[in-house]
N, C-alpha and C. Protein backbone atom coordinates (compact mmCIF):
# COMPACT_ATOMS: atom_id res chain seq x y z
N UNK A 1 -16.37 16.44 7.60
CA UNK A 1 -15.79 15.57 6.55
C UNK A 1 -14.52 15.00 7.21
N UNK A 2 -14.35 13.64 7.19
CA UNK A 2 -13.19 13.09 7.75
C UNK A 2 -12.00 13.17 6.78
N UNK A 3 -10.80 13.49 7.37
CA UNK A 3 -9.67 13.59 6.38
C UNK A 3 -9.24 12.20 5.89
N UNK A 4 -8.74 12.17 4.64
CA UNK A 4 -8.29 10.94 4.05
C UNK A 4 -7.05 10.42 4.71
N UNK A 5 -7.07 9.22 5.08
CA UNK A 5 -5.80 8.61 5.81
C UNK A 5 -5.20 7.53 4.92
N UNK A 6 -3.99 7.32 5.13
CA UNK A 6 -3.18 6.36 4.32
C UNK A 6 -3.04 5.15 5.27
N UNK A 7 -3.65 3.93 4.73
CA UNK A 7 -3.56 2.74 5.53
C UNK A 7 -3.05 1.69 4.61
N UNK A 8 -2.58 0.60 5.18
CA UNK A 8 -2.16 -0.59 4.31
C UNK A 8 -3.45 -1.12 3.84
N UNK A 9 -3.50 -1.81 2.64
CA UNK A 9 -4.61 -2.34 2.00
C UNK A 9 -5.00 -3.62 2.67
N UNK A 10 -6.35 -3.82 2.83
CA UNK A 10 -6.81 -5.08 3.37
C UNK A 10 -7.10 -6.10 2.16
N UNK A 11 -7.58 -5.57 1.02
CA UNK A 11 -8.05 -6.40 0.00
C UNK A 11 -7.03 -6.61 -1.14
N UNK A 12 -6.19 -5.65 -1.37
CA UNK A 12 -5.26 -5.66 -2.49
C UNK A 12 -3.83 -5.96 -1.99
N UNK A 13 -3.76 -6.90 -1.01
CA UNK A 13 -2.51 -7.14 -0.34
C UNK A 13 -1.73 -8.32 -1.09
N UNK A 14 -0.47 -8.07 -1.31
CA UNK A 14 0.39 -9.08 -1.88
C UNK A 14 1.38 -9.52 -0.79
N UNK A 15 2.18 -8.56 -0.25
CA UNK A 15 3.16 -8.81 0.77
C UNK A 15 2.65 -8.19 2.13
N UNK A 16 2.81 -6.85 2.18
CA UNK A 16 2.36 -6.22 3.37
C UNK A 16 1.19 -5.25 3.19
N UNK A 17 0.83 -5.01 1.96
CA UNK A 17 -0.29 -4.19 1.63
C UNK A 17 0.01 -2.74 1.40
N UNK A 18 1.32 -2.46 1.24
CA UNK A 18 1.78 -0.98 1.19
C UNK A 18 1.32 -0.48 -0.30
N UNK A 19 1.59 -1.16 -1.27
CA UNK A 19 1.34 -0.73 -2.64
C UNK A 19 -0.17 -0.61 -2.85
N UNK A 20 -0.92 -1.57 -2.32
CA UNK A 20 -2.39 -1.60 -2.39
C UNK A 20 -2.94 -0.36 -1.57
N UNK A 21 -2.35 -0.09 -0.50
CA UNK A 21 -2.79 1.12 0.28
C UNK A 21 -2.58 2.39 -0.38
N UNK A 22 -1.35 2.55 -0.97
CA UNK A 22 -1.03 3.66 -1.64
C UNK A 22 -1.90 3.88 -2.92
N UNK A 23 -2.18 2.76 -3.57
CA UNK A 23 -3.11 2.79 -4.74
C UNK A 23 -4.54 3.21 -4.39
N UNK A 24 -5.06 2.69 -3.18
CA UNK A 24 -6.36 3.04 -2.71
C UNK A 24 -6.38 4.51 -2.26
N UNK A 25 -5.36 5.03 -1.78
CA UNK A 25 -5.32 6.40 -1.36
C UNK A 25 -5.36 7.41 -2.51
N UNK A 26 -4.65 6.95 -3.60
CA UNK A 26 -4.64 7.91 -4.79
C UNK A 26 -5.63 7.55 -5.86
N UNK A 27 -6.34 6.48 -5.60
CA UNK A 27 -7.42 6.06 -6.58
C UNK A 27 -6.94 5.49 -7.88
N UNK A 28 -5.74 4.82 -7.91
CA UNK A 28 -5.27 4.18 -9.08
C UNK A 28 -5.16 2.65 -8.91
N UNK A 29 -4.86 2.04 -9.98
CA UNK A 29 -4.79 0.51 -9.86
C UNK A 29 -3.51 0.11 -9.14
N UNK A 30 -3.59 -0.88 -8.29
CA UNK A 30 -2.48 -1.30 -7.49
C UNK A 30 -1.33 -1.82 -8.29
N UNK A 31 -1.66 -2.35 -9.51
CA UNK A 31 -0.55 -2.84 -10.39
C UNK A 31 0.42 -1.76 -10.81
N UNK A 32 -0.12 -0.60 -11.04
CA UNK A 32 0.73 0.60 -11.47
C UNK A 32 1.63 0.96 -10.30
N UNK A 33 1.19 0.95 -9.08
CA UNK A 33 2.05 1.29 -7.96
C UNK A 33 3.08 0.20 -7.74
N UNK A 34 2.73 -1.10 -7.85
CA UNK A 34 3.63 -2.17 -7.76
C UNK A 34 4.79 -2.14 -8.89
N UNK A 35 4.33 -1.81 -10.02
CA UNK A 35 5.44 -1.62 -11.09
C UNK A 35 6.35 -0.49 -10.77
N UNK A 36 5.75 0.56 -10.24
CA UNK A 36 6.70 1.71 -9.92
C UNK A 36 7.67 1.33 -8.86
N UNK A 37 7.26 0.54 -7.88
CA UNK A 37 8.22 0.14 -6.86
C UNK A 37 9.27 -0.78 -7.41
N UNK A 38 8.88 -1.70 -8.29
CA UNK A 38 9.76 -2.64 -8.94
C UNK A 38 10.87 -1.82 -9.80
N UNK A 39 10.43 -0.86 -10.56
CA UNK A 39 11.27 -0.02 -11.27
C UNK A 39 12.24 0.82 -10.38
N UNK A 40 11.72 1.24 -9.30
CA UNK A 40 12.64 1.97 -8.35
C UNK A 40 13.65 0.97 -7.78
N UNK A 41 13.26 -0.26 -7.54
CA UNK A 41 14.17 -1.25 -6.93
C UNK A 41 15.28 -1.56 -7.91
N UNK A 42 14.94 -1.82 -9.18
CA UNK A 42 15.97 -2.11 -10.19
C UNK A 42 16.73 -1.01 -10.67
N UNK A 43 16.12 0.16 -10.75
CA UNK A 43 16.69 1.32 -11.26
C UNK A 43 17.73 1.91 -10.29
N UNK A 44 17.33 2.36 -9.08
CA UNK A 44 18.16 2.97 -8.17
C UNK A 44 18.32 2.24 -6.82
N UNK A 45 17.54 1.26 -6.62
CA UNK A 45 17.65 0.49 -5.34
C UNK A 45 16.93 1.05 -4.22
N UNK A 46 16.20 2.25 -4.40
CA UNK A 46 15.61 2.82 -3.34
C UNK A 46 14.17 2.37 -3.16
N UNK A 47 13.61 1.54 -4.05
CA UNK A 47 12.28 1.13 -3.96
C UNK A 47 12.18 0.12 -2.78
N UNK A 48 13.17 -0.81 -2.62
CA UNK A 48 13.05 -1.75 -1.50
C UNK A 48 13.16 -1.05 -0.20
N UNK A 49 14.07 -0.12 -0.08
CA UNK A 49 14.16 0.61 1.15
C UNK A 49 12.80 1.38 1.47
N UNK A 50 12.22 2.01 0.54
CA UNK A 50 11.03 2.81 0.70
C UNK A 50 9.96 1.78 1.06
N UNK A 51 9.84 0.64 0.49
CA UNK A 51 8.81 -0.32 0.82
C UNK A 51 8.91 -0.78 2.31
N UNK A 52 10.21 -1.08 2.71
CA UNK A 52 10.39 -1.53 4.08
C UNK A 52 9.95 -0.44 5.02
N UNK A 53 10.36 0.72 4.80
CA UNK A 53 10.07 1.81 5.74
C UNK A 53 8.52 2.10 5.70
N UNK A 54 7.78 2.02 4.58
CA UNK A 54 6.41 2.22 4.51
C UNK A 54 5.74 1.02 5.23
N UNK A 55 6.19 -0.12 5.05
CA UNK A 55 5.64 -1.27 5.74
C UNK A 55 5.67 -1.17 7.32
N UNK A 56 6.72 -0.58 7.76
CA UNK A 56 6.94 -0.37 9.17
C UNK A 56 6.01 0.77 9.76
N UNK A 57 5.82 1.84 8.99
CA UNK A 57 5.25 3.05 9.58
C UNK A 57 3.71 3.15 9.24
N UNK A 58 3.28 2.49 8.12
CA UNK A 58 1.85 2.64 7.70
C UNK A 58 0.99 1.68 8.63
N UNK A 59 -0.06 2.37 9.17
CA UNK A 59 -0.90 1.57 10.06
C UNK A 59 -1.84 0.59 9.28
N UNK A 60 -2.33 -0.47 10.04
CA UNK A 60 -3.30 -1.29 9.43
C UNK A 60 -4.72 -0.47 9.45
N UNK A 61 -5.58 -0.83 8.58
CA UNK A 61 -6.83 -0.15 8.55
C UNK A 61 -7.66 -0.40 9.83
N UNK A 62 -8.60 0.45 10.24
CA UNK A 62 -9.38 0.09 11.42
C UNK A 62 -10.27 -1.12 11.02
N UNK A 63 -10.60 -1.79 12.10
CA UNK A 63 -11.45 -3.06 11.96
C UNK A 63 -12.81 -2.67 11.54
N UNK A 64 -13.37 -3.34 10.53
CA UNK A 64 -14.74 -3.03 10.04
C UNK A 64 -15.51 -4.36 10.04
N UNK A 65 -16.45 -4.56 10.88
CA UNK A 65 -17.15 -5.83 10.97
C UNK A 65 -17.98 -6.15 9.80
N UNK A 66 -18.19 -5.17 8.95
CA UNK A 66 -19.02 -5.38 7.71
C UNK A 66 -18.22 -5.84 6.56
N UNK A 67 -16.80 -5.75 6.71
CA UNK A 67 -15.87 -6.16 5.62
C UNK A 67 -15.80 -7.60 5.68
N UNK A 68 -16.13 -8.31 4.66
CA UNK A 68 -16.08 -9.84 4.63
C UNK A 68 -14.96 -10.38 3.72
N UNK A 69 -13.98 -9.51 3.37
CA UNK A 69 -12.87 -10.04 2.56
C UNK A 69 -12.06 -11.04 3.37
N UNK A 70 -11.46 -11.93 2.62
CA UNK A 70 -10.69 -13.01 3.28
C UNK A 70 -9.32 -12.42 3.84
């Protein structure tokens, strides 16, 4: 069994795919994760920093020739 890996989203991408990737990893709707980041941004200001760090360190998903998403 392959371990579950955290990647940026390929299909649920708005900016860098961080929130979509986190949502895919945990199996929740990407909108919920995006709202959490916005609340962290406005509440404590840590959401923007967390997003930037995640965008830099999260890898892109491996190439899948069968994936036909735009």
